[in-house]
Amino acid sequence: VQLQASGGGLVQAGGSLRLSCAASGRAFSSYGMGWFRQAPGKEREFVAGISWNGKSTKHADSVKGRFTISRDNAQNTVYLQMSNLKPVDTADYYCAARDSGAWSSRSSDYNYWGQGTLVTVSS
């Protein structure tokens, strides 16, 4: 499967963005999906995950209450709605898919990765 992330950009603190990750292939609805981010000089970290049917989600404590992951299997797309953005949210954001239908917070559990989309939050 190929993943294409989009929606990043420059936003002021307190603002909102919605990231999208479009997937190719007919098996999208069977994949667990995740969003990760990597800030300059830091390791990649888990942001959010969603199960194949959208019924199970997980958000990192650092984004809980501000970010929401969702998916539309008919559109082969997973989303990350981000609100009340903070400068510490500045990073490259990556979407990932795994053959298991469950989400995982470990990047090593994912089989497919998209390119990053840069989110920059100014103070």
C-alpha atoms as a PDB file:
ATOM      1  CA  VAL A   1       0.000   0.000   0.000  1.00  0.00           C
ATOM      2  CA  GLN A   2       1.172   3.544  -0.676  1.00  0.00           C
ATOM      3  CA  LEU A   3       0.382   6.363   1.720  1.00  0.00           C
ATOM      4  CA  GLN A   4       0.257  10.070   0.885  1.00  0.00           C
ATOM      5  CA  ALA A   5       0.067  12.516   3.767  1.00  0.00           C
ATOM      6  CA  SER A   6      -1.036  16.110   3.306  1.00  0.00           C
ATOM      7  CA  GLY A   7      -2.441  19.072   5.164  1.00  0.00           C
ATOM      8  CA  GLY A   8       0.582  20.358   7.015  1.00  0.00           C
ATOM      9  CA  GLY A   9       1.494  24.009   7.123  1.00  0.00           C
ATOM     10  CA  LEU A  10       2.250  27.027   9.251  1.00  0.00           C
ATOM     11  CA  VAL A  11      -0.277  27.946  11.915  1.00  0.00           C
ATOM     12  CA  GLN A  12      -0.317  30.197  14.956  1.00  0.00           C
ATOM     13  CA  ALA A  13      -0.538  28.776  18.434  1.00  0.00           C
ATOM     14  CA  GLY A  14      -4.142  27.994  19.279  1.00  0.00           C
ATOM     15  CA  GLY A  15      -4.997  27.299  15.681  1.00  0.00           C
ATOM     16  CA  SER A  16      -6.171  24.143  13.945  1.00  0.00           C
ATOM     17  CA  LEU A  17      -5.141  21.912  11.075  1.00  0.00           C
ATOM     18  CA  ARG A  18      -6.452  18.690   9.622  1.00  0.00           C
ATOM     19  CA  LEU A  19      -3.995  16.194   8.244  1.00  0.00           C
ATOM     20  CA  SER A  20      -5.069  13.624   5.694  1.00  0.00           C
ATOM     21  CA  CYS A  21      -3.448  10.373   4.664  1.00  0.00           C
ATOM     22  CA  ALA A  22      -4.705   8.851   1.437  1.00  0.00           C
ATOM     23  CA  ALA A  23      -3.967   5.198   0.803  1.00  0.00           C
ATOM     24  CA  SER A  24      -3.842   3.230  -2.393  1.00  0.00           C
ATOM     25  CA  GLY A  25      -5.036  -0.330  -2.634  1.00  0.00           C
ATOM     26  CA  ARG A  26      -8.251  -2.134  -1.853  1.00  0.00           C
ATOM     27  CA  ALA A  27      -7.111  -3.518   1.485  1.00  0.00           C
ATOM     28  CA  PHE A  28      -7.102  -0.187   3.294  1.00  0.00           C
ATOM     29  CA  SER A  29     -10.143  -1.076   5.359  1.00  0.00           C
ATOM     30  CA  SER A  30      -8.260  -4.007   6.905  1.00  0.00           C
ATOM     31  CA  TYR A  31      -5.265  -1.993   8.125  1.00  0.00           C
ATOM     32  CA  GLY A  32      -4.616  -0.556  11.531  1.00  0.00           C
ATOM     33  CA  MET A  33      -3.448   3.031  11.053  1.00  0.00           C
ATOM     34  CA  GLY A  34      -1.305   5.389  13.044  1.00  0.00           C
ATOM     35  CA  TRP A  35       0.047   8.905  13.070  1.00  0.00           C
ATOM     36  CA  PHE A  36       3.547   9.604  14.331  1.00  0.00           C
ATOM     37  CA  ARG A  37       5.608  12.751  14.484  1.00  0.00           C
ATOM     38  CA  GLN A  38       9.259  13.653  14.617  1.00  0.00           C
ATOM     39  CA  ALA A  39      10.593  16.996  15.739  1.00  0.00           C
ATOM     40  CA  PRO A  40      14.113  18.139  14.808  1.00  0.00           C
ATOM     41  CA  GLY A  41      16.689  16.356  16.924  1.00  0.00           C
ATOM     42  CA  LYS A  42      14.116  14.100  18.543  1.00  0.00           C
ATOM     43  CA  GLU A  43      12.962  10.552  18.078  1.00  0.00           C
ATOM     44  CA  ARG A  44       9.795   9.672  16.242  1.00  0.00           C
ATOM     45  CA  GLU A  45       6.858   9.467  18.635  1.00  0.00           C
ATOM     46  CA  PHE A  46       3.390   8.021  18.528  1.00  0.00           C
ATOM     47  CA  VAL A  47       0.559  10.516  18.190  1.00  0.00           C
ATOM     48  CA  ALA A  48      -2.600   8.498  17.556  1.00  0.00           C
ATOM     49  CA  GLY A  49      -3.821   5.147  16.276  1.00  0.00           C
ATOM     50  CA  ILE A  50      -7.085   3.741  14.950  1.00  0.00           C
ATOM     51  CA  SER A  51      -8.305   0.214  14.317  1.00  0.00           C
ATOM     52  CA  TRP A  52      -9.459  -1.071  10.954  1.00  0.00           C
ATOM     53  CA  ASN A  53     -13.116  -0.288  11.658  1.00  0.00           C
ATOM     54  CA  GLY A  54     -12.549   2.913  13.581  1.00  0.00           C
ATOM     55  CA  LYS A  55     -14.035   1.538  16.776  1.00  0.00           C
ATOM     56  CA  SER A  56     -10.791   1.592  18.724  1.00  0.00           C
ATOM     57  CA  THR A  57      -8.613   4.682  18.950  1.00  0.00           C
ATOM     58  CA  LYS A  58      -5.702   5.807  21.063  1.00  0.00           C
ATOM     59  CA  HIS A  59      -4.186   9.235  21.495  1.00  0.00           C
ATOM     60  CA  ALA A  60      -0.906  10.069  23.160  1.00  0.00           C
ATOM     61  CA  ASP A  61      -1.279  11.894  26.450  1.00  0.00           C
ATOM     62  CA  SER A  62       0.448  14.926  24.980  1.00  0.00           C
ATOM     63  CA  VAL A  63      -2.319  15.420  22.410  1.00  0.00           C
ATOM     64  CA  LYS A  64      -5.336  13.967  24.181  1.00  0.00           C
ATOM     65  CA  GLY A  65      -8.261  16.354  24.090  1.00  0.00           C
ATOM     66  CA  ARG A  66      -6.691  18.385  21.281  1.00  0.00           C
ATOM     67  CA  PHE A  67      -6.157  15.876  18.447  1.00  0.00           C
ATOM     68  CA  THR A  68      -8.614  13.359  17.031  1.00  0.00           C
ATOM     69  CA  ILE A  69      -7.872  10.510  14.671  1.00  0.00           C
ATOM     70  CA  SER A  70     -10.571   9.213  12.365  1.00  0.00           C
ATOM     71  CA  ARG A  71     -10.884   7.279   9.134  1.00  0.00           C
ATOM     72  CA  ASP A  72     -13.156   6.958   6.133  1.00  0.00           C
ATOM     73  CA  ASN A  73     -12.727   3.523   4.617  1.00  0.00           C
ATOM     74  CA  ALA A  74     -14.880   4.419   1.637  1.00  0.00           C
ATOM     75  CA  GLN A  75     -12.382   7.166   0.805  1.00  0.00           C
ATOM     76  CA  ASN A  76      -9.279   5.165   1.789  1.00  0.00           C
ATOM     77  CA  THR A  77      -8.280   8.029   4.041  1.00  0.00           C
ATOM     78  CA  VAL A  78      -7.283   8.538   7.651  1.00  0.00           C
ATOM     79  CA  TYR A  79      -7.407  11.963   9.265  1.00  0.00           C
ATOM     80  CA  LEU A  80      -5.814  13.745  12.169  1.00  0.00           C
ATOM     81  CA  GLN A  81      -7.796  16.751  13.335  1.00  0.00           C
ATOM     82  CA  MET A  82      -5.531  18.987  15.387  1.00  0.00           C
ATOM     83  CA  SER A  83      -6.811  21.889  17.446  1.00  0.00           C
ATOM     84  CA  ASN A  84      -5.377  24.205  20.081  1.00  0.00           C
ATOM     85  CA  LEU A  85      -1.986  23.680  18.512  1.00  0.00           C
ATOM     86  CA  LYS A  86       1.110  24.537  20.499  1.00  0.00           C
ATOM     87  CA  PRO A  87       4.670  25.300  19.408  1.00  0.00           C
ATOM     88  CA  VAL A  88       5.740  21.932  20.853  1.00  0.00           C
ATOM     89  CA  ASP A  89       3.537  20.258  18.236  1.00  0.00           C
ATOM     90  CA  THR A  90       5.920  21.455  15.525  1.00  0.00           C
ATOM     91  CA  ALA A  91       7.189  18.354  13.708  1.00  0.00           C
ATOM     92  CA  ASP A  92       7.042  16.251  10.604  1.00  0.00           C
ATOM     93  CA  TYR A  93       3.910  14.137  10.817  1.00  0.00           C
ATOM     94  CA  TYR A  94       3.831  10.651   9.303  1.00  0.00           C
ATOM     95  CA  CYS A  95       1.001   8.246   8.704  1.00  0.00           C
ATOM     96  CA  ALA A  96       1.579   4.524   8.838  1.00  0.00           C
ATOM     97  CA  ALA A  97      -0.338   1.321   8.149  1.00  0.00           C
ATOM     98  CA  ARG A  98       0.038  -2.145   9.554  1.00  0.00           C
ATOM     99  CA  ASP A  99      -1.236  -5.452   8.249  1.00  0.00           C
ATOM    100  CA  SER A 100      -2.891  -6.155  11.578  1.00  0.00           C
ATOM    101  CA  GLY A 101      -6.251  -4.440  11.934  1.00  0.00           C
ATOM    102  CA  ALA A 102      -5.339  -3.117  15.358  1.00  0.00           C
ATOM    103  CA  TRP A 103      -3.474   0.093  16.077  1.00  0.00           C
ATOM    104  CA  SER A 104      -0.128   0.064  17.838  1.00  0.00           C
ATOM    105  CA  SER A 105       1.901   2.768  19.530  1.00  0.00           C
ATOM    106  CA  ARG A 106       5.167   1.194  18.373  1.00  0.00           C
ATOM    107  CA  SER A 107       6.542   2.412  15.080  1.00  0.00           C
ATOM    108  CA  SER A 108       8.232  -0.947  14.494  1.00  0.00           C
ATOM    109  CA  ASP A 109       4.808  -2.601  14.286  1.00  0.00           C
ATOM    110  CA  TYR A 110       3.898  -0.705  11.118  1.00  0.00           C
ATOM    111  CA  ASN A 111       4.599  -2.106   7.683  1.00  0.00           C
ATOM    112  CA  TYR A 112       3.989   0.914   5.466  1.00  0.00           C
ATOM    113  CA  TRP A 113       4.856   4.573   5.846  1.00  0.00           C
ATOM    114  CA  GLY A 114       3.961   7.728   4.023  1.00  0.00           C
ATOM    115  CA  GLN A 115       6.197  10.716   3.529  1.00  0.00           C
ATOM    116  CA  GLY A 116       6.035  13.359   6.221  1.00  0.00           C
ATOM    117  CA  THR A 117       3.977  16.503   6.174  1.00  0.00           C
ATOM    118  CA  LEU A 118       5.442  19.403   8.099  1.00  0.00           C
ATOM    119  CA  VAL A 119       3.442  21.183  10.774  1.00  0.00           C
ATOM    120  CA  THR A 120       4.912  24.395  12.140  1.00  0.00           C
ATOM    121  CA  VAL A 121       3.233  26.169  15.023  1.00  0.00           C
ATOM    122  CA  SER A 122       4.362  29.701  15.746  1.00  0.00           C
ATOM    123  CA  SER A 123       4.051  31.350  19.137  1.00  0.00           C
END
